[in-house]
Structures are given as C-alpha cells and as structure tokens.
Amino acid sequence: MSNAADVTDAQWKETVLDSETPVLVDFWAEWCQPCKAMSEPIDRLAAQFGDRLRVVKINIDENPKTPAEYGVMSIPTFLVVKGGKEVGLTRGVQPFDKLVELVEQHL
C-alpha cells in the first residue's frame, strides 16, 4: 500500500492548492518505468515526513488537465506546492536525499 494518496484533476484545488501543509506532487503514468522506480522513494518520503508534508500522485493519462496547466512535459515530475503556489520542482529519477532536500526547505 502506498503512503502517497492519488489525486485527480477534480480534487486538485481542494487537495493540493488549499492544503494547509506543503504538498509534494508526483506526476506519473502506469507505463513509465522511471516513475515506477520512484514509487518506493516517494512512499519513504511520505512516511518520513508524516503530517508535515502531504504526498500525492497524479496519473497524467487519467488526469491531463493539471499536468497541462503546470507545463509537465516529462515524467516523473515532482512539484512542491505551498500555500497554493509552486515553490519547488525537479524532474526525472532522483536520489532519495535530493527529494528530502527539495521538500525540507519548504516545511
């Protein structure tokens, strides 16, 4: 079971933009092997930060509106949203410690 919640285009505003805690968003797709490689580190991140960070995943094939609005052209893309604003971004397979660095500065 994943520690990261799935989010849809319809849930984006309520779940991500209106969140009182910072949110790490994982843009992914079922067919994407690098995305699958990042699944375990993303779950670890969610477990490590607990209530201080919300971690969500959005399937770009099932939810094309949000990735288009944020200019997501390659996956995996990891977006940090705080106070409804994009505050951090990285793309591609990342070492776990780089993900920690990405989110820690926004907690």
PDB file of N, CA and C in Angstrom:
ATOM      1  N   MET A   1       0.836  -1.189   0.000  1.00  0.00           N
ATOM      2  CA  MET A   1       0.000   0.000   0.000  1.00  0.00           C
ATOM      3  C   MET A   1       0.879   1.251   0.000  1.00  0.00           C
ATOM      4  N   SER A   2       0.499   2.195  -0.810  1.00  0.00           N
ATOM      5  CA  SER A   2       1.268   3.422  -0.948  1.00  0.00           C
ATOM      6  C   SER A   2       0.938   4.415   0.167  1.00  0.00           C
ATOM      7  N   ASN A   3       1.944   5.157   0.597  1.00  0.00           N
ATOM      8  CA  ASN A   3       1.740   6.233   1.563  1.00  0.00           C
ATOM      9  C   ASN A   3       1.286   7.511   0.863  1.00  0.00           C
ATOM     10  N   ALA A   4       1.423   7.545  -0.462  1.00  0.00           N
ATOM     11  CA  ALA A   4       1.037   8.711  -1.244  1.00  0.00           C
ATOM     12  C   ALA A   4      -0.397   8.533  -1.737  1.00  0.00           C
ATOM     13  N   ALA A   5      -1.202   9.560  -1.566  1.00  0.00           N
ATOM     14  CA  ALA A   5      -2.601   9.500  -1.993  1.00  0.00           C
ATOM     15  C   ALA A   5      -2.710   9.836  -3.477  1.00  0.00           C
ATOM     16  N   ASP A   6      -3.635   9.178  -4.152  1.00  0.00           N
ATOM     17  CA  ASP A   6      -3.917   9.524  -5.544  1.00  0.00           C
ATOM     18  C   ASP A   6      -4.812  10.749  -5.559  1.00  0.00           C
ATOM     19  N   VAL A   7      -4.557  11.645  -6.511  1.00  0.00           N
ATOM     20  CA  VAL A   7      -5.365  12.847  -6.652  1.00  0.00           C
ATOM     21  C   VAL A   7      -5.780  12.975  -8.118  1.00  0.00           C
ATOM     22  N   THR A   8      -6.950  13.530  -8.351  1.00  0.00           N
ATOM     23  CA  THR A   8      -7.462  13.723  -9.714  1.00  0.00           C
ATOM     24  C   THR A   8      -7.511  15.211 -10.034  1.00  0.00           C
ATOM     25  N   ASP A   9      -7.748  15.513 -11.317  1.00  0.00           N
ATOM     26  CA  ASP A   9      -7.930  16.910 -11.719  1.00  0.00           C
ATOM     27  C   ASP A   9      -9.017  17.569 -10.872  1.00  0.00           C
ATOM     28  N   ALA A  10     -10.113  16.838 -10.643  1.00  0.00           N
ATOM     29  CA  ALA A  10     -11.256  17.377  -9.900  1.00  0.00           C
ATOM     30  C   ALA A  10     -10.907  17.667  -8.433  1.00  0.00           C
ATOM     31  N   GLN A  11      -9.957  16.919  -7.879  1.00  0.00           N
ATOM     32  CA  GLN A  11      -9.573  17.080  -6.469  1.00  0.00           C
ATOM     33  C   GLN A  11      -8.400  18.036  -6.272  1.00  0.00           C
ATOM     34  N   TRP A  12      -7.781  18.485  -7.364  1.00  0.00           N
ATOM     35  CA  TRP A  12      -6.534  19.249  -7.311  1.00  0.00           C
ATOM     36  C   TRP A  12      -6.625  20.462  -6.384  1.00  0.00           C
ATOM     37  N   LYS A  13      -7.623  21.314  -6.589  1.00  0.00           N
ATOM     38  CA  LYS A  13      -7.718  22.551  -5.796  1.00  0.00           C
ATOM     39  C   LYS A  13      -7.851  22.239  -4.311  1.00  0.00           C
ATOM     40  N   GLU A  14      -8.798  21.383  -3.976  1.00  0.00           N
ATOM     41  CA  GLU A  14      -9.050  21.062  -2.565  1.00  0.00           C
ATOM     42  C   GLU A  14      -7.868  20.345  -1.917  1.00  0.00           C
ATOM     43  N   THR A  15      -7.290  19.372  -2.628  1.00  0.00           N
ATOM     44  CA  THR A  15      -6.243  18.527  -2.052  1.00  0.00           C
ATOM     45  C   THR A  15      -4.871  19.188  -2.051  1.00  0.00           C
ATOM     46  N   VAL A  16      -4.548  19.901  -3.122  1.00  0.00           N
ATOM     47  CA  VAL A  16      -3.195  20.444  -3.270  1.00  0.00           C
ATOM     48  C   VAL A  16      -3.144  21.952  -3.004  1.00  0.00           C
ATOM     49  N   LEU A  17      -3.912  22.719  -3.761  1.00  0.00           N
ATOM     50  CA  LEU A  17      -3.822  24.177  -3.652  1.00  0.00           C
ATOM     51  C   LEU A  17      -4.319  24.700  -2.307  1.00  0.00           C
ATOM     52  N   ASP A  18      -5.367  24.078  -1.754  1.00  0.00           N
ATOM     53  CA  ASP A  18      -5.930  24.533  -0.485  1.00  0.00           C
ATOM     54  C   ASP A  18      -5.333  23.844   0.738  1.00  0.00           C
ATOM     55  N   SER A  19      -4.320  23.002   0.537  1.00  0.00           N
ATOM     56  CA  SER A  19      -3.712  22.272   1.655  1.00  0.00           C
ATOM     57  C   SER A  19      -3.016  23.223   2.620  1.00  0.00           C
ATOM     58  N   GLU A  20      -3.201  22.976   3.909  1.00  0.00           N
ATOM     59  CA  GLU A  20      -2.538  23.793   4.928  1.00  0.00           C
ATOM     60  C   GLU A  20      -1.081  23.389   5.119  1.00  0.00           C
ATOM     61  N   THR A  21      -0.734  22.184   4.673  1.00  0.00           N
ATOM     62  CA  THR A  21       0.655  21.737   4.745  1.00  0.00           C
ATOM     63  C   THR A  21       1.221  21.713   3.327  1.00  0.00           C
ATOM     64  N   PRO A  22       2.546  21.817   3.186  1.00  0.00           N
ATOM     65  CA  PRO A  22       3.142  21.712   1.858  1.00  0.00           C
ATOM     66  C   PRO A  22       2.805  20.365   1.225  1.00  0.00           C
ATOM     67  N   VAL A  23       2.757  20.337  -0.099  1.00  0.00           N
ATOM     68  CA  VAL A  23       2.391  19.133  -0.836  1.00  0.00           C
ATOM     69  C   VAL A  23       3.479  18.810  -1.848  1.00  0.00           C
ATOM     70  N   LEU A  24       3.915  17.552  -1.863  1.00  0.00           N
ATOM     71  CA  LEU A  24       4.782  17.064  -2.939  1.00  0.00           C
ATOM     72  C   LEU A  24       3.886  16.298  -3.889  1.00  0.00           C
ATOM     73  N   VAL A  25       3.888  16.714  -5.156  1.00  0.00           N
ATOM     74  CA  VAL A  25       3.071  16.068  -6.169  1.00  0.00           C
ATOM     75  C   VAL A  25       3.982  15.267  -7.091  1.00  0.00           C
ATOM     76  N   ASP A  26       3.634  14.008  -7.284  1.00  0.00           N
ATOM     77  CA  ASP A  26       4.346  13.119  -8.193  1.00  0.00           C
ATOM     78  C   ASP A  26       3.485  12.950  -9.440  1.00  0.00           C
ATOM     79  N   PHE A  27       3.905  13.555 -10.559  1.00  0.00           N
ATOM     80  CA  PHE A  27       3.230  13.361 -11.845  1.00  0.00           C
ATOM     81  C   PHE A  27       3.807  12.096 -12.466  1.00  0.00           C
ATOM     82  N   TRP A  28       2.947  11.114 -12.767  1.00  0.00           N
ATOM     83  CA  TRP A  28       3.420   9.805 -13.213  1.00  0.00           C
ATOM     84  C   TRP A  28       2.432   9.191 -14.201  1.00  0.00           C
ATOM     85  N   ALA A  29       2.818   8.031 -14.762  1.00  0.00           N
ATOM     86  CA  ALA A  29       1.938   7.236 -15.619  1.00  0.00           C
ATOM     87  C   ALA A  29       2.275   5.765 -15.426  1.00  0.00           C
ATOM     88  N   GLU A  30       1.294   4.923 -15.650  1.00  0.00           N
ATOM     89  CA  GLU A  30       1.434   3.480 -15.449  1.00  0.00           C
ATOM     90  C   GLU A  30       2.555   2.884 -16.308  1.00  0.00           C
ATOM     91  N   TRP A  31       2.713   3.366 -17.533  1.00  0.00           N
ATOM     92  CA  TRP A  31       3.685   2.818 -18.484  1.00  0.00           C
ATOM     93  C   TRP A  31       5.113   3.313 -18.260  1.00  0.00           C
ATOM     94  N   CYS A  32       5.296   4.268 -17.359  1.00  0.00           N
ATOM     95  CA  CYS A  32       6.588   4.946 -17.168  1.00  0.00           C
ATOM     96  C   CYS A  32       7.479   4.173 -16.191  1.00  0.00           C
ATOM     97  N   GLN A  33       8.531   3.551 -16.703  1.00  0.00           N
ATOM     98  CA  GLN A  33       9.439   2.782 -15.843  1.00  0.00           C
ATOM     99  C   GLN A  33      10.184   3.650 -14.826  1.00  0.00           C
ATOM    100  N   PRO A  34      10.691   4.836 -15.222  1.00  0.00           N
ATOM    101  CA  PRO A  34      11.325   5.698 -14.208  1.00  0.00           C
ATOM    102  C   PRO A  34      10.341   6.094 -13.092  1.00  0.00           C
ATOM    103  N   CYS A  35       9.064   6.271 -13.452  1.00  0.00           N
ATOM    104  CA  CYS A  35       8.051   6.588 -12.441  1.00  0.00           C
ATOM    105  C   CYS A  35       7.921   5.439 -11.442  1.00  0.00           C
ATOM    106  N   LYS A  36       7.920   4.230 -11.964  1.00  0.00           N
ATOM    107  CA  LYS A  36       7.815   3.059 -11.091  1.00  0.00           C
ATOM    108  C   LYS A  36       9.037   2.955 -10.182  1.00  0.00           C
ATOM    109  N   ALA A  37      10.209   3.323 -10.716  1.00  0.00           N
ATOM    110  CA  ALA A  37      11.438   3.291  -9.916  1.00  0.00           C
ATOM    111  C   ALA A  37      11.364   4.288  -8.761  1.00  0.00           C
ATOM    112  N   MET A  38      10.596   5.365  -8.926  1.00  0.00           N
ATOM    113  CA  MET A  38      10.491   6.393  -7.893  1.00  0.00           C
ATOM    114  C   MET A  38       9.380   6.108  -6.885  1.00  0.00           C
ATOM    115  N   SER A  39       8.598   5.088  -7.112  1.00  0.00           N
ATOM    116  CA  SER A  39       7.469   4.786  -6.236  1.00  0.00           C
ATOM    117  C   SER A  39       7.906   4.534  -4.793  1.00  0.00           C
ATOM    118  N   GLU A  40       8.935   3.715  -4.601  1.00  0.00           N
ATOM    119  CA  GLU A  40       9.410   3.388  -3.253  1.00  0.00           C
ATOM    120  C   GLU A  40       9.998   4.619  -2.549  1.00  0.00           C
ATOM    121  N   PRO A  41      10.863   5.412  -3.211  1.00  0.00           N
ATOM    122  CA  PRO A  41      11.366   6.622  -2.537  1.00  0.00           C
ATOM    123  C   PRO A  41      10.256   7.614  -2.182  1.00  0.00           C
ATOM    124  N   ILE A  42       9.241   7.727  -3.021  1.00  0.00           N
ATOM    125  CA  ILE A  42       8.127   8.637  -2.730  1.00  0.00           C
ATOM    126  C   ILE A  42       7.360   8.143  -1.502  1.00  0.00           C
ATOM    127  N   ASP A  43       7.130   6.841  -1.406  1.00  0.00           N
ATOM    128  CA  ASP A  43       6.474   6.277  -0.222  1.00  0.00           C
ATOM    129  C   ASP A  43       7.311   6.512   1.034  1.00  0.00           C
ATOM    130  N   ARG A  44       8.625   6.350   0.913  1.00  0.00           N
ATOM    131  CA  ARG A  44       9.522   6.590   2.056  1.00  0.00           C
ATOM    132  C   ARG A  44       9.451   8.038   2.508  1.00  0.00           C
ATOM    133  N   LEU A  45       9.395   8.944   1.532  1.00  0.00           N
ATOM    134  CA  LEU A  45       9.302  10.370   1.837  1.00  0.00           C
ATOM    135  C   LEU A  45       8.014  10.671   2.601  1.00  0.00           C
ATOM    136  N   ALA A  46       6.908  10.119   2.135  1.00  0.00           N
ATOM    137  CA  ALA A  46       5.619  10.317   2.801  1.00  0.00           C
ATOM    138  C   ALA A  46       5.678   9.795   4.234  1.00  0.00           C
ATOM    139  N   ALA A  47       6.291   8.629   4.426  1.00  0.00           N
ATOM    140  CA  ALA A  47       6.393   8.043   5.763  1.00  0.00           C
ATOM    141  C   ALA A  47       7.311   8.875   6.664  1.00  0.00           C
ATOM    142  N   GLN A  48       8.402   9.362   6.109  1.00  0.00           N
ATOM    143  CA  GLN A  48       9.388  10.110   6.902  1.00  0.00           C
ATOM    144  C   GLN A  48       8.837  11.445   7.399  1.00  0.00           C
ATOM    145  N   PHE A  49       8.094  12.149   6.564  1.00  0.00           N
ATOM    146  CA  PHE A  49       7.632  13.479   6.946  1.00  0.00           C
ATOM    147  C   PHE A  49       6.251  13.491   7.587  1.00  0.00           C
ATOM    148  N   GLY A  50       5.528  12.398   7.487  1.00  0.00           N
ATOM    149  CA  GLY A  50       4.249  12.266   8.168  1.00  0.00           C
ATOM    150  C   GLY A  50       3.305  13.432   7.934  1.00  0.00           C
ATOM    151  N   ASP A  51       2.844  14.037   9.028  1.00  0.00           N
ATOM    152  CA  ASP A  51       1.858  15.121   8.959  1.00  0.00           C
ATOM    153  C   ASP A  51       2.438  16.451   8.498  1.00  0.00           C
ATOM    154  N   ARG A  52       3.755  16.556   8.405  1.00  0.00           N
ATOM    155  CA  ARG A  52       4.361  17.834   7.996  1.00  0.00           C
ATOM    156  C   ARG A  52       4.327  18.042   6.496  1.00  0.00           C
ATOM    157  N   LEU A  53       4.077  16.956   5.735  1.00  0.00           N
ATOM    158  CA  LEU A  53       4.088  17.015   4.281  1.00  0.00           C
ATOM    159  C   LEU A  53       3.008  16.093   3.735  1.00  0.00           C
ATOM    160  N   ARG A  54       2.207  16.615   2.824  1.00  0.00           N
ATOM    161  CA  ARG A  54       1.231  15.779   2.118  1.00  0.00           C
ATOM    162  C   ARG A  54       1.900  15.319   0.822  1.00  0.00           C
ATOM    163  N   VAL A  55       1.848  14.034   0.543  1.00  0.00           N
ATOM    164  CA  VAL A  55       2.428  13.488  -0.681  1.00  0.00           C
ATOM    165  C   VAL A  55       1.308  12.877  -1.515  1.00  0.00           C
ATOM    166  N   VAL A  56       1.191  13.357  -2.758  1.00  0.00           N
ATOM    167  CA  VAL A  56       0.138  12.876  -3.647  1.00  0.00           C
ATOM    168  C   VAL A  56       0.723  12.506  -5.001  1.00  0.00           C
ATOM    169  N   LYS A  57       0.005  11.625  -5.688  1.00  0.00           N
ATOM    170  CA  LYS A  57       0.389  11.199  -7.031  1.00  0.00           C
ATOM    171  C   LYS A  57      -0.764  11.516  -7.975  1.00  0.00           C
ATOM    172  N   ILE A  58      -0.433  12.003  -9.177  1.00  0.00           N
ATOM    173  CA  ILE A  58      -1.460  12.255 -10.169  1.00  0.00           C
ATOM    174  C   ILE A  58      -1.064  11.563 -11.474  1.00  0.00           C
ATOM    175  N   ASN A  59      -1.939  10.681 -11.930  1.00  0.00           N
ATOM    176  CA  ASN A  59      -1.712   9.932 -13.161  1.00  0.00           C
ATOM    177  C   ASN A  59      -2.025  10.863 -14.337  1.00  0.00           C
ATOM    178  N   ILE A  60      -0.996  11.170 -15.131  1.00  0.00           N
ATOM    179  CA  ILE A  60      -1.168  12.156 -16.198  1.00  0.00           C
ATOM    180  C   ILE A  60      -2.065  11.667 -17.335  1.00  0.00           C
ATOM    181  N   ASP A  61      -2.165  10.359 -17.507  1.00  0.00           N
ATOM    182  CA  ASP A  61      -3.032   9.823 -18.565  1.00  0.00           C
ATOM    183  C   ASP A  61      -4.504   9.940 -18.185  1.00  0.00           C
ATOM    184  N   GLU A  62      -4.798   9.729 -16.920  1.00  0.00           N
ATOM    185  CA  GLU A  62      -6.182   9.791 -16.443  1.00  0.00           C
ATOM    186  C   GLU A  62      -6.601  11.214 -16.085  1.00  0.00           C
ATOM    187  N   ASN A  63      -5.637  12.089 -15.869  1.00  0.00           N
ATOM    188  CA  ASN A  63      -5.900  13.466 -15.437  1.00  0.00           C
ATOM    189  C   ASN A  63      -5.018  14.435 -16.231  1.00  0.00           C
ATOM    190  N   PRO A  64      -5.351  14.689 -17.493  1.00  0.00           N
ATOM    191  CA  PRO A  64      -4.481  15.502 -18.350  1.00  0.00           C
ATOM    192  C   PRO A  64      -4.534  17.015 -18.091  1.00  0.00           C
ATOM    193  N   LYS A  65      -5.575  17.497 -17.462  1.00  0.00           N
ATOM    194  CA  LYS A  65      -5.760  18.949 -17.292  1.00  0.00           C
ATOM    195  C   LYS A  65      -4.671  19.574 -16.412  1.00  0.00           C
ATOM    196  N   THR A  66      -4.457  19.007 -15.244  1.00  0.00           N
ATOM    197  CA  THR A  66      -3.498  19.581 -14.295  1.00  0.00           C
ATOM    198  C   THR A  66      -2.067  19.561 -14.827  1.00  0.00           C
ATOM    199  N   PRO A  67      -1.578  18.436 -15.368  1.00  0.00           N
ATOM    200  CA  PRO A  67      -0.207  18.454 -15.913  1.00  0.00           C
ATOM    201  C   PRO A  67      -0.049  19.501 -17.018  1.00  0.00           C
ATOM    202  N   ALA A  68      -1.069  19.673 -17.841  1.00  0.00           N
ATOM    203  CA  ALA A  68      -1.003  20.678 -18.910  1.00  0.00           C
ATOM    204  C   ALA A  68      -0.911  22.081 -18.321  1.00  0.00           C
ATOM    205  N   GLU A  69      -1.674  22.345 -17.267  1.00  0.00           N
ATOM    206  CA  GLU A  69      -1.650  23.669 -16.625  1.00  0.00           C
ATOM    207  C   GLU A  69      -0.291  23.988 -16.019  1.00  0.00           C
ATOM    208  N   TYR A  70       0.431  22.962 -15.579  1.00  0.00           N
ATOM    209  CA  TYR A  70       1.732  23.171 -14.952  1.00  0.00           C
ATOM    210  C   TYR A  70       2.900  22.911 -15.901  1.00  0.00           C
ATOM    211  N   GLY A  71       2.599  22.699 -17.172  1.00  0.00           N
ATOM    212  CA  GLY A  71       3.645  22.530 -18.170  1.00  0.00           C
ATOM    213  C   GLY A  71       4.470  21.270 -18.004  1.00  0.00           C
ATOM    214  N   VAL A  72       3.861  20.218 -17.480  1.00  0.00           N
ATOM    215  CA  VAL A  72       4.585  18.954 -17.299  1.00  0.00           C
ATOM    216  C   VAL A  72       4.773  18.288 -18.667  1.00  0.00           C
ATOM    217  N   MET A  73       6.024  18.236 -19.111  1.00  0.00           N
ATOM    218  CA  MET A  73       6.338  17.686 -20.423  1.00  0.00           C
ATOM    219  C   MET A  73       7.047  16.340 -20.340  1.00  0.00           C
ATOM    220  N   SER A  74       7.577  16.015 -19.171  1.00  0.00           N
ATOM    221  CA  SER A  74       8.247  14.725 -18.992  1.00  0.00           C
ATOM    222  C   SER A  74       7.917  14.212 -17.596  1.00  0.00           C
ATOM    223  N   ILE A  75       7.957  12.900 -17.463  1.00  0.00           N
ATOM    224  CA  ILE A  75       7.677  12.291 -16.173  1.00  0.00           C
ATOM    225  C   ILE A  75       8.779  11.301 -15.831  1.00  0.00           C
ATOM    226  N   PRO A  76       9.019  11.082 -14.555  1.00  0.00           N
ATOM    227  CA  PRO A  76       8.324  11.702 -13.435  1.00  0.00           C
ATOM    228  C   PRO A  76       8.731  13.162 -13.249  1.00  0.00           C
ATOM    229  N   THR A  77       7.764  13.958 -12.833  1.00  0.00           N
ATOM    230  CA  THR A  77       7.996  15.343 -12.425  1.00  0.00           C
ATOM    231  C   THR A  77       7.486  15.467 -10.999  1.00  0.00           C
ATOM    232  N   PHE A  78       8.281  16.111 -10.159  1.00  0.00           N
ATOM    233  CA  PHE A  78       7.934  16.297  -8.752  1.00  0.00           C
ATOM    234  C   PHE A  78       7.795  17.786  -8.478  1.00  0.00           C
ATOM    235  N   LEU A  79       6.624  18.172  -8.027  1.00  0.00           N
ATOM    236  CA  LEU A  79       6.291  19.571  -7.795  1.00  0.00           C
ATOM    237  C   LEU A  79       5.986  19.772  -6.314  1.00  0.00           C
ATOM    238  N   VAL A  80       6.560  20.807  -5.717  1.00  0.00           N
ATOM    239  CA  VAL A  80       6.240  21.149  -4.339  1.00  0.00           C
ATOM    240  C   VAL A  80       5.327  22.376  -4.371  1.00  0.00           C
ATOM    241  N   VAL A  81       4.174  22.253  -3.722  1.00  0.00           N
ATOM    242  CA  VAL A  81       3.205  23.340  -3.658  1.00  0.00           C
ATOM    243  C   VAL A  81       3.014  23.720  -2.189  1.00  0.00           C
ATOM    244  N   LYS A  82       3.122  25.013  -1.919  1.00  0.00           N
ATOM    245  CA  LYS A  82       2.933  25.518  -0.557  1.00  0.00           C
ATOM    246  C   LYS A  82       2.094  26.787  -0.645  1.00  0.00           C
ATOM    247  N   GLY A  83       1.037  26.836   0.137  1.00  0.00           N
ATOM    248  CA  GLY A  83       0.174  27.998   0.102  1.00  0.00           C
ATOM    249  C   GLY A  83      -0.447  28.238  -1.261  1.00  0.00           C
ATOM    250  N   GLY A  84      -0.688  27.158  -1.999  1.00  0.00           N
ATOM    251  CA  GLY A  84      -1.306  27.262  -3.312  1.00  0.00           C
ATOM    252  C   GLY A  84      -0.366  27.655  -4.433  1.00  0.00           C
ATOM    253  N   LYS A  85       0.933  27.813  -4.117  1.00  0.00           N
ATOM    254  CA  LYS A  85       1.910  28.243  -5.120  1.00  0.00           C
ATOM    255  C   LYS A  85       2.996  27.186  -5.318  1.00  0.00           C
ATOM    256  N   GLU A  86       3.479  27.096  -6.554  1.00  0.00           N
ATOM    257  CA  GLU A  86       4.593  26.203  -6.875  1.00  0.00           C
ATOM    258  C   GLU A  86       5.862  26.790  -6.272  1.00  0.00           C
ATOM    259  N   VAL A  87       6.519  26.027  -5.395  1.00  0.00           N
ATOM    260  CA  VAL A  87       7.728  26.522  -4.736  1.00  0.00           C
ATOM    261  C   VAL A  87       8.960  25.659  -5.004  1.00  0.00           C
ATOM    262  N   GLY A  88       8.760  24.485  -5.609  1.00  0.00           N
ATOM    263  CA  GLY A  88       9.877  23.602  -5.902  1.00  0.00           C
ATOM    264  C   GLY A  88       9.532  22.671  -7.038  1.00  0.00           C
ATOM    265  N   LEU A  89      10.551  22.270  -7.796  1.00  0.00           N
ATOM    266  CA  LEU A  89      10.322  21.405  -8.950  1.00  0.00           C
ATOM    267  C   LEU A  89      11.588  20.633  -9.277  1.00  0.00           C
ATOM    268  N   THR A  90      11.424  19.364  -9.595  1.00  0.00           N
ATOM    269  CA  THR A  90      12.515  18.575 -10.135  1.00  0.00           C
ATOM    270  C   THR A  90      11.909  17.521 -11.047  1.00  0.00           C
ATOM    271  N   ARG A  91      12.706  17.033 -11.990  1.00  0.00           N
ATOM    272  CA  ARG A  91      12.225  16.037 -12.957  1.00  0.00           C
ATOM    273  C   ARG A  91      13.174  14.848 -13.008  1.00  0.00           C
ATOM    274  N   GLY A  92      12.619  13.698 -13.384  1.00  0.00           N
ATOM    275  CA  GLY A  92      13.435  12.510 -13.584  1.00  0.00           C
ATOM    276  C   GLY A  92      13.685  11.750 -12.294  1.00  0.00           C
ATOM    277  N   VAL A  93      14.389  10.654 -12.442  1.00  0.00           N
ATOM    278  CA  VAL A  93      14.725   9.814 -11.296  1.00  0.00           C
ATOM    279  C   VAL A  93      15.681  10.587 -10.393  1.00  0.00           C
ATOM    280  N   GLN A  94      15.351  10.657  -9.110  1.00  0.00           N
ATOM    281  CA  GLN A  94      16.135  11.420  -8.140  1.00  0.00           C
ATOM    282  C   GLN A  94      16.553  10.520  -6.985  1.00  0.00           C
ATOM    283  N   PRO A  95      17.764  10.737  -6.462  1.00  0.00           N
ATOM    284  CA  PRO A  95      18.134  10.022  -5.242  1.00  0.00           C
ATOM    285  C   PRO A  95      17.229  10.491  -4.102  1.00  0.00           C
ATOM    286  N   PHE A  96      16.981   9.618  -3.159  1.00  0.00           N
ATOM    287  CA  PHE A  96      16.103   9.932  -2.030  1.00  0.00           C
ATOM    288  C   PHE A  96      16.527  11.217  -1.322  1.00  0.00           C
ATOM    289  N   ASP A  97      17.833  11.387  -1.097  1.00  0.00           N
ATOM    290  CA  ASP A  97      18.289  12.575  -0.367  1.00  0.00           C
ATOM    291  C   ASP A  97      18.007  13.869  -1.129  1.00  0.00           C
ATOM    292  N   LYS A  98      17.963  13.817  -2.442  1.00  0.00           N
ATOM    293  CA  LYS A  98      17.626  15.011  -3.236  1.00  0.00           C
ATOM    294  C   LYS A  98      16.155  15.370  -3.058  1.00  0.00           C
ATOM    295  N   LEU A  99      15.299  14.368  -2.956  1.00  0.00           N
ATOM    296  CA  LEU A  99      13.882  14.630  -2.687  1.00  0.00           C
ATOM    297  C   LEU A  99      13.705  15.242  -1.297  1.00  0.00           C
ATOM    298  N   VAL A 100      14.454  14.731  -0.328  1.00  0.00           N
ATOM    299  CA  VAL A 100      14.396  15.268   1.027  1.00  0.00           C
ATOM    300  C   VAL A 100      14.796  16.739   1.002  1.00  0.00           C
ATOM    301  N   GLU A 101      15.894  17.059   0.303  1.00  0.00           N
ATOM    302  CA  GLU A 101      16.358  18.455   0.182  1.00  0.00           C
ATOM    303  C   GLU A 101      15.275  19.332  -0.457  1.00  0.00           C
ATOM    304  N   LEU A 102      14.644  18.804  -1.498  1.00  0.00           N
ATOM    305  CA  LEU A 102      13.626  19.558  -2.224  1.00  0.00           C
ATOM    306  C   LEU A 102      12.488  19.975  -1.301  1.00  0.00           C
ATOM    307  N   VAL A 103      12.033  19.065  -0.444  1.00  0.00           N
ATOM    308  CA  VAL A 103      10.869  19.375   0.392  1.00  0.00           C
ATOM    309  C   VAL A 103      11.241  20.050   1.715  1.00  0.00           C
ATOM    310  N   GLU A 104      12.394  19.718   2.292  1.00  0.00           N
ATOM    311  CA  GLU A 104      12.748  20.245   3.617  1.00  0.00           C
ATOM    312  C   GLU A 104      12.780  21.764   3.665  1.00  0.00           C
ATOM    313  N   GLN A 105      13.206  22.395   2.598  1.00  0.00           N
ATOM    314  CA  GLN A 105      13.320  23.856   2.598  1.00  0.00           C
ATOM    315  C   GLN A 105      11.952  24.555   2.612  1.00  0.00           C
ATOM    316  N   HIS A 106      10.876  23.782   2.427  1.00  0.00           N
ATOM    317  CA  HIS A 106       9.541  24.364   2.382  1.00  0.00           C
ATOM    318  C   HIS A 106       8.668  23.952   3.567  1.00  0.00           C
ATOM    319  N   LEU A 107       9.257  23.238   4.520  1.00  0.00           N
ATOM    320  CA  LEU A 107       8.480  22.795   5.691  1.00  0.00           C
ATOM    321  C   LEU A 107       8.524  23.821   6.799  1.00  0.00           C
TER     322      LEU A 107
END
